[in-house]
């Protein structure tokens, strides 16, 4: 059985060594011996062949394990990511996401949560921007107050500002604040409390 680490970075945007260290640290902790690394410095917008995804699907066999830093490294959008995961899983390959262990295919995970993570792997793209603008326009038309957070003056509240669009999308998907907190906290170095999320949603978004 082989254990392969897959690392993808966009040119001049992310640190390949950081992902590799994360995978090696995980492997050491769980007593895994990584046989090889597949390293790609390329945009997620390139096709699967250029990103060496097709190579992984061909190279890996039943019982092998693929280690990936996080979901966004694997696919370029929700549909492709799910298809890659399904294709690898059908071959009997185990996928472990280091930063999102609850999504690893050897354990229990929900397809909804997986879809949400995949969805926000492309959060900087036009589709999210369009949905966000539509949501804000609808809120404004209905008389909702938009703007600076009410009562959120501490640093934890400000930490959430870059994730405002994601939080809006998750609310539109019907997720409770507790689930939203878990998803956003996975992207932060230091977790933010449930109450901070609750106040932030109430004071900033109120959709």
C-alpha atoms as a PDB file:
ATOM      1  CA  UNK A   1       0.000   0.000   0.000  1.00  0.00           C
ATOM      2  CA  UNK A   2       1.336   3.382  -1.041  1.00  0.00           C
ATOM      3  CA  UNK A   3       0.922   6.709   0.712  1.00  0.00           C
ATOM      4  CA  UNK A   4       1.189   9.702  -1.603  1.00  0.00           C
ATOM      5  CA  UNK A   5       1.164  13.382  -0.638  1.00  0.00           C
ATOM      6  CA  UNK A   6      -0.408  15.738  -3.166  1.00  0.00           C
ATOM      7  CA  UNK A   7       0.633  19.394  -3.065  1.00  0.00           C
ATOM      8  CA  UNK A   8      -0.640  22.113  -5.363  1.00  0.00           C
ATOM      9  CA  UNK A   9       0.144  25.797  -5.136  1.00  0.00           C
ATOM     10  CA  UNK A  10      -0.756  28.707  -7.389  1.00  0.00           C
ATOM     11  CA  UNK A  11       2.365  30.471  -8.642  1.00  0.00           C
ATOM     12  CA  UNK A  12       3.655  33.104  -6.199  1.00  0.00           C
ATOM     13  CA  UNK A  13       0.560  32.831  -4.041  1.00  0.00           C
ATOM     14  CA  UNK A  14       1.059  29.944  -1.685  1.00  0.00           C
ATOM     15  CA  UNK A  15       3.857  28.134   0.029  1.00  0.00           C
ATOM     16  CA  UNK A  16       4.600  24.650  -1.236  1.00  0.00           C
ATOM     17  CA  UNK A  17       6.923  23.929   1.674  1.00  0.00           C
ATOM     18  CA  UNK A  18       4.199  24.816   4.170  1.00  0.00           C
ATOM     19  CA  UNK A  19       1.842  22.201   2.692  1.00  0.00           C
ATOM     20  CA  UNK A  20       4.615  19.620   2.595  1.00  0.00           C
ATOM     21  CA  UNK A  21       5.499  20.269   6.226  1.00  0.00           C
ATOM     22  CA  UNK A  22       1.832  19.939   7.191  1.00  0.00           C
ATOM     23  CA  UNK A  23       1.576  16.555   5.460  1.00  0.00           C
ATOM     24  CA  UNK A  24       4.849  15.269   6.934  1.00  0.00           C
ATOM     25  CA  UNK A  25       3.797  16.408  10.408  1.00  0.00           C
ATOM     26  CA  UNK A  26       0.497  14.550  10.017  1.00  0.00           C
ATOM     27  CA  UNK A  27       2.274  11.444   8.710  1.00  0.00           C
ATOM     28  CA  UNK A  28       4.692  11.422  11.641  1.00  0.00           C
ATOM     29  CA  UNK A  29       1.875  11.840  14.146  1.00  0.00           C
ATOM     30  CA  UNK A  30      -0.049   8.893  12.680  1.00  0.00           C
ATOM     31  CA  UNK A  31       3.046   6.810  11.910  1.00  0.00           C
ATOM     32  CA  UNK A  32       2.581   6.913   8.146  1.00  0.00           C
ATOM     33  CA  UNK A  33       5.466   6.482   5.735  1.00  0.00           C
ATOM     34  CA  UNK A  34       4.964   8.790   2.759  1.00  0.00           C
ATOM     35  CA  UNK A  35       6.282   6.987  -0.300  1.00  0.00           C
ATOM     36  CA  UNK A  36       6.272   9.974  -2.611  1.00  0.00           C
ATOM     37  CA  UNK A  37       5.034  13.529  -3.169  1.00  0.00           C
ATOM     38  CA  UNK A  38       3.288  14.853  -6.246  1.00  0.00           C
ATOM     39  CA  UNK A  39       4.037  18.578  -6.318  1.00  0.00           C
ATOM     40  CA  UNK A  40       2.375  20.979  -8.742  1.00  0.00           C
ATOM     41  CA  UNK A  41       2.861  24.714  -9.028  1.00  0.00           C
ATOM     42  CA  UNK A  42      -0.086  25.682 -11.161  1.00  0.00           C
ATOM     43  CA  UNK A  43      -3.464  27.410 -11.011  1.00  0.00           C
ATOM     44  CA  UNK A  44      -6.534  25.368 -10.096  1.00  0.00           C
ATOM     45  CA  UNK A  45      -8.102  26.589 -13.345  1.00  0.00           C
ATOM     46  CA  UNK A  46      -5.814  24.292 -15.349  1.00  0.00           C
ATOM     47  CA  UNK A  47      -7.186  20.894 -16.368  1.00  0.00           C
ATOM     48  CA  UNK A  48      -6.772  17.664 -14.413  1.00  0.00           C
ATOM     49  CA  UNK A  49      -3.900  16.445 -16.560  1.00  0.00           C
ATOM     50  CA  UNK A  50      -1.832  19.583 -15.984  1.00  0.00           C
ATOM     51  CA  UNK A  51      -2.611  19.457 -12.263  1.00  0.00           C
ATOM     52  CA  UNK A  52      -1.529  15.766 -12.256  1.00  0.00           C
ATOM     53  CA  UNK A  53      -4.911  14.622 -10.949  1.00  0.00           C
ATOM     54  CA  UNK A  54      -5.204  12.151 -13.828  1.00  0.00           C
ATOM     55  CA  UNK A  55      -1.764  10.817 -12.857  1.00  0.00           C
ATOM     56  CA  UNK A  56      -2.954  10.252  -9.275  1.00  0.00           C
ATOM     57  CA  UNK A  57      -6.092   8.439 -10.431  1.00  0.00           C
ATOM     58  CA  UNK A  58      -3.983   6.187 -12.663  1.00  0.00           C
ATOM     59  CA  UNK A  59      -1.129   5.636 -10.197  1.00  0.00           C
ATOM     60  CA  UNK A  60      -3.065   4.974  -6.982  1.00  0.00           C
ATOM     61  CA  UNK A  61      -4.619   1.562  -6.349  1.00  0.00           C
ATOM     62  CA  UNK A  62      -7.029  -0.004  -3.896  1.00  0.00           C
ATOM     63  CA  UNK A  63      -5.815   0.395  -0.331  1.00  0.00           C
ATOM     64  CA  UNK A  64      -3.510   3.312  -1.143  1.00  0.00           C
ATOM     65  CA  UNK A  65      -3.801   6.602   0.744  1.00  0.00           C
ATOM     66  CA  UNK A  66      -3.730  10.130  -0.636  1.00  0.00           C
ATOM     67  CA  UNK A  67      -2.762  12.940   1.761  1.00  0.00           C
ATOM     68  CA  UNK A  68      -3.887  16.464   0.862  1.00  0.00           C
ATOM     69  CA  UNK A  69      -3.563  19.631   2.931  1.00  0.00           C
ATOM     70  CA  UNK A  70      -7.140  20.716   2.290  1.00  0.00           C
ATOM     71  CA  UNK A  71     -10.053  20.283  -0.068  1.00  0.00           C
ATOM     72  CA  UNK A  72      -9.302  23.354  -2.179  1.00  0.00           C
ATOM     73  CA  UNK A  73      -5.970  21.843  -3.280  1.00  0.00           C
ATOM     74  CA  UNK A  74      -7.707  18.937  -5.007  1.00  0.00           C
ATOM     75  CA  UNK A  75     -10.312  20.449  -7.313  1.00  0.00           C
ATOM     76  CA  UNK A  76     -11.104  23.719  -9.052  1.00  0.00           C
ATOM     77  CA  UNK A  77     -14.830  23.753  -8.321  1.00  0.00           C
ATOM     78  CA  UNK A  78     -17.495  21.852  -6.436  1.00  0.00           C
ATOM     79  CA  UNK A  79     -18.519  19.476  -9.219  1.00  0.00           C
ATOM     80  CA  UNK A  80     -14.979  18.564 -10.226  1.00  0.00           C
ATOM     81  CA  UNK A  81     -13.873  18.073  -6.615  1.00  0.00           C
ATOM     82  CA  UNK A  82     -16.767  15.732  -5.880  1.00  0.00           C
ATOM     83  CA  UNK A  83     -16.113  13.800  -9.090  1.00  0.00           C
ATOM     84  CA  UNK A  84     -12.410  13.392  -8.223  1.00  0.00           C
ATOM     85  CA  UNK A  85     -13.241  12.207  -4.719  1.00  0.00           C
ATOM     86  CA  UNK A  86     -15.880   9.786  -6.010  1.00  0.00           C
ATOM     87  CA  UNK A  87     -13.526   8.404  -8.659  1.00  0.00           C
ATOM     88  CA  UNK A  88     -10.731   7.838  -6.149  1.00  0.00           C
ATOM     89  CA  UNK A  89     -13.102   6.380  -3.548  1.00  0.00           C
ATOM     90  CA  UNK A  90     -14.602   3.952  -6.050  1.00  0.00           C
ATOM     91  CA  UNK A  91     -11.080   2.591  -6.641  1.00  0.00           C
ATOM     92  CA  UNK A  92     -10.757   1.955  -2.892  1.00  0.00           C
ATOM     93  CA  UNK A  93      -8.337   4.834  -2.311  1.00  0.00           C
ATOM     94  CA  UNK A  94      -8.449   6.600   1.043  1.00  0.00           C
ATOM     95  CA  UNK A  95      -8.252  10.403   0.975  1.00  0.00           C
ATOM     96  CA  UNK A  96      -7.208  12.300   4.070  1.00  0.00           C
ATOM     97  CA  UNK A  97      -7.622  16.072   4.261  1.00  0.00           C
ATOM     98  CA  UNK A  98      -5.218  17.323   6.929  1.00  0.00           C
ATOM     99  CA  UNK A  99      -6.952  20.601   7.745  1.00  0.00           C
ATOM    100  CA  UNK A 100     -10.445  19.124   7.371  1.00  0.00           C
ATOM    101  CA  UNK A 101     -10.208  15.642   8.917  1.00  0.00           C
ATOM    102  CA  UNK A 102     -13.985  15.319   9.137  1.00  0.00           C
ATOM    103  CA  UNK A 103     -14.075  15.184   5.320  1.00  0.00           C
ATOM    104  CA  UNK A 104     -11.578  12.340   4.994  1.00  0.00           C
ATOM    105  CA  UNK A 105     -13.106   9.442   3.101  1.00  0.00           C
ATOM    106  CA  UNK A 106     -12.196   6.802   5.685  1.00  0.00           C
ATOM    107  CA  UNK A 107     -14.561   8.287   8.254  1.00  0.00           C
ATOM    108  CA  UNK A 108     -18.116   9.535   8.580  1.00  0.00           C
ATOM    109  CA  UNK A 109     -18.826  12.755   6.726  1.00  0.00           C
ATOM    110  CA  UNK A 110     -21.830  14.334   5.131  1.00  0.00           C
ATOM    111  CA  UNK A 111     -22.012  15.043   1.430  1.00  0.00           C
ATOM    112  CA  UNK A 112     -23.593  18.381   2.233  1.00  0.00           C
ATOM    113  CA  UNK A 113     -20.617  19.530   4.280  1.00  0.00           C
ATOM    114  CA  UNK A 114     -18.257  18.253   1.631  1.00  0.00           C
ATOM    115  CA  UNK A 115     -20.169  20.168  -1.028  1.00  0.00           C
ATOM    116  CA  UNK A 116     -20.032  23.325   1.037  1.00  0.00           C
ATOM    117  CA  UNK A 117     -16.265  23.113   1.480  1.00  0.00           C
ATOM    118  CA  UNK A 118     -15.841  22.496  -2.247  1.00  0.00           C
ATOM    119  CA  UNK A 119     -18.142  25.388  -2.997  1.00  0.00           C
ATOM    120  CA  UNK A 120     -16.028  27.807  -1.009  1.00  0.00           C
ATOM    121  CA  UNK A 121     -12.793  26.565  -2.524  1.00  0.00           C
ATOM    122  CA  UNK A 122     -13.834  28.875  -5.389  1.00  0.00           C
ATOM    123  CA  UNK A 123     -15.073  31.694  -3.139  1.00  0.00           C
ATOM    124  CA  UNK A 124     -13.098  34.385  -4.960  1.00  0.00           C
ATOM    125  CA  UNK A 125     -14.732  33.655  -8.274  1.00  0.00           C
ATOM    126  CA  UNK A 126     -17.518  35.453 -10.078  1.00  0.00           C
ATOM    127  CA  UNK A 127     -20.339  33.116  -9.095  1.00  0.00           C
ATOM    128  CA  UNK A 128     -19.925  33.810  -5.386  1.00  0.00           C
ATOM    129  CA  UNK A 129     -19.627  37.521  -6.070  1.00  0.00           C
ATOM    130  CA  UNK A 130     -22.859  37.497  -8.057  1.00  0.00           C
ATOM    131  CA  UNK A 131     -24.764  35.537  -5.418  1.00  0.00           C
ATOM    132  CA  UNK A 132     -23.487  37.853  -2.694  1.00  0.00           C
ATOM    133  CA  UNK A 133     -24.515  40.989  -4.573  1.00  0.00           C
ATOM    134  CA  UNK A 134     -27.942  39.514  -5.180  1.00  0.00           C
ATOM    135  CA  UNK A 135     -28.317  38.657  -1.501  1.00  0.00           C
ATOM    136  CA  UNK A 136     -27.255  42.120  -0.388  1.00  0.00           C
ATOM    137  CA  UNK A 137     -29.560  43.789  -2.910  1.00  0.00           C
ATOM    138  CA  UNK A 138     -32.484  41.683  -1.714  1.00  0.00           C
ATOM    139  CA  UNK A 139     -31.695  42.512   1.909  1.00  0.00           C
ATOM    140  CA  UNK A 140     -31.450  46.209   1.134  1.00  0.00           C
ATOM    141  CA  UNK A 141     -34.718  46.152  -0.818  1.00  0.00           C
ATOM    142  CA  UNK A 142     -36.490  44.553   2.135  1.00  0.00           C
ATOM    143  CA  UNK A 143     -35.281  47.288   4.487  1.00  0.00           C
ATOM    144  CA  UNK A 144     -32.472  45.385   6.193  1.00  0.00           C
ATOM    145  CA  UNK A 145     -29.683  47.535   7.587  1.00  0.00           C
ATOM    146  CA  UNK A 146     -26.320  46.864   6.009  1.00  0.00           C
ATOM    147  CA  UNK A 147     -22.927  48.180   7.020  1.00  0.00           C
ATOM    148  CA  UNK A 148     -20.670  48.242  10.034  1.00  0.00           C
ATOM    149  CA  UNK A 149     -21.312  45.558  12.663  1.00  0.00           C
ATOM    150  CA  UNK A 150     -23.429  46.585  15.636  1.00  0.00           C
ATOM    151  CA  UNK A 151     -21.716  45.808  18.903  1.00  0.00           C
ATOM    152  CA  UNK A 152     -18.813  43.982  17.232  1.00  0.00           C
ATOM    153  CA  UNK A 153     -15.823  46.112  18.079  1.00  0.00           C
ATOM    154  CA  UNK A 154     -13.435  43.477  19.364  1.00  0.00           C
ATOM    155  CA  UNK A 155     -10.722  41.876  17.259  1.00  0.00           C
ATOM    156  CA  UNK A 156     -12.679  38.614  16.927  1.00  0.00           C
ATOM    157  CA  UNK A 157     -15.507  40.423  15.185  1.00  0.00           C
ATOM    158  CA  UNK A 158     -13.080  42.091  12.779  1.00  0.00           C
ATOM    159  CA  UNK A 159     -11.445  38.729  12.059  1.00  0.00           C
ATOM    160  CA  UNK A 160     -14.747  37.566  10.578  1.00  0.00           C
ATOM    161  CA  UNK A 161     -15.038  40.474   8.124  1.00  0.00           C
ATOM    162  CA  UNK A 162     -13.043  38.729   5.329  1.00  0.00           C
ATOM    163  CA  UNK A 163     -15.470  35.779   5.605  1.00  0.00           C
ATOM    164  CA  UNK A 164     -18.653  37.858   5.454  1.00  0.00           C
ATOM    165  CA  UNK A 165     -19.543  36.712   1.931  1.00  0.00           C
ATOM    166  CA  UNK A 166     -19.038  33.061   2.900  1.00  0.00           C
ATOM    167  CA  UNK A 167     -21.175  33.472   6.005  1.00  0.00           C
ATOM    168  CA  UNK A 168     -23.956  35.001   3.908  1.00  0.00           C
ATOM    169  CA  UNK A 169     -23.843  32.056   1.501  1.00  0.00           C
ATOM    170  CA  UNK A 170     -23.971  29.545   4.345  1.00  0.00           C
ATOM    171  CA  UNK A 171     -26.953  31.333   5.869  1.00  0.00           C
ATOM    172  CA  UNK A 172     -28.675  31.204   2.482  1.00  0.00           C
ATOM    173  CA  UNK A 173     -28.023  27.449   2.446  1.00  0.00           C
ATOM    174  CA  UNK A 174     -29.923  27.198   5.735  1.00  0.00           C
ATOM    175  CA  UNK A 175     -27.029  26.192   7.984  1.00  0.00           C
ATOM    176  CA  UNK A 176     -27.253  26.992  11.723  1.00  0.00           C
ATOM    177  CA  UNK A 177     -24.719  29.354  13.264  1.00  0.00           C
ATOM    178  CA  UNK A 178     -22.959  26.460  15.044  1.00  0.00           C
ATOM    179  CA  UNK A 179     -22.223  24.772  11.695  1.00  0.00           C
ATOM    180  CA  UNK A 180     -21.144  28.068  10.147  1.00  0.00           C
ATOM    181  CA  UNK A 181     -18.751  28.625  13.047  1.00  0.00           C
ATOM    182  CA  UNK A 182     -17.194  25.201  12.506  1.00  0.00           C
ATOM    183  CA  UNK A 183     -16.694  25.797   8.770  1.00  0.00           C
ATOM    184  CA  UNK A 184     -15.151  29.250   9.145  1.00  0.00           C
ATOM    185  CA  UNK A 185     -13.026  28.250  12.152  1.00  0.00           C
ATOM    186  CA  UNK A 186     -11.360  25.586   9.990  1.00  0.00           C
ATOM    187  CA  UNK A 187      -9.961  28.462   7.924  1.00  0.00           C
ATOM    188  CA  UNK A 188      -8.646  30.439  10.905  1.00  0.00           C
ATOM    189  CA  UNK A 189      -5.443  29.971  12.877  1.00  0.00           C
ATOM    190  CA  UNK A 190      -7.300  30.811  16.095  1.00  0.00           C
ATOM    191  CA  UNK A 191     -10.913  29.737  16.553  1.00  0.00           C
ATOM    192  CA  UNK A 192     -13.649  32.296  17.239  1.00  0.00           C
ATOM    193  CA  UNK A 193     -16.359  31.600  19.803  1.00  0.00           C
ATOM    194  CA  UNK A 194     -19.937  30.689  18.941  1.00  0.00           C
ATOM    195  CA  UNK A 195     -21.232  33.848  20.666  1.00  0.00           C
ATOM    196  CA  UNK A 196     -19.019  36.027  18.489  1.00  0.00           C
ATOM    197  CA  UNK A 197     -20.473  34.410  15.374  1.00  0.00           C
ATOM    198  CA  UNK A 198     -23.974  34.871  16.739  1.00  0.00           C
ATOM    199  CA  UNK A 199     -23.404  38.579  17.417  1.00  0.00           C
ATOM    200  CA  UNK A 200     -21.659  39.035  14.092  1.00  0.00           C
ATOM    201  CA  UNK A 201     -24.534  37.526  12.140  1.00  0.00           C
ATOM    202  CA  UNK A 202     -27.100  39.503  14.104  1.00  0.00           C
ATOM    203  CA  UNK A 203     -25.268  42.829  13.888  1.00  0.00           C
ATOM    204  CA  UNK A 204     -23.663  42.610  10.457  1.00  0.00           C
ATOM    205  CA  UNK A 205     -25.811  40.488   8.189  1.00  0.00           C
ATOM    206  CA  UNK A 206     -29.287  39.914   9.655  1.00  0.00           C
ATOM    207  CA  UNK A 207     -30.529  38.163   6.502  1.00  0.00           C
END
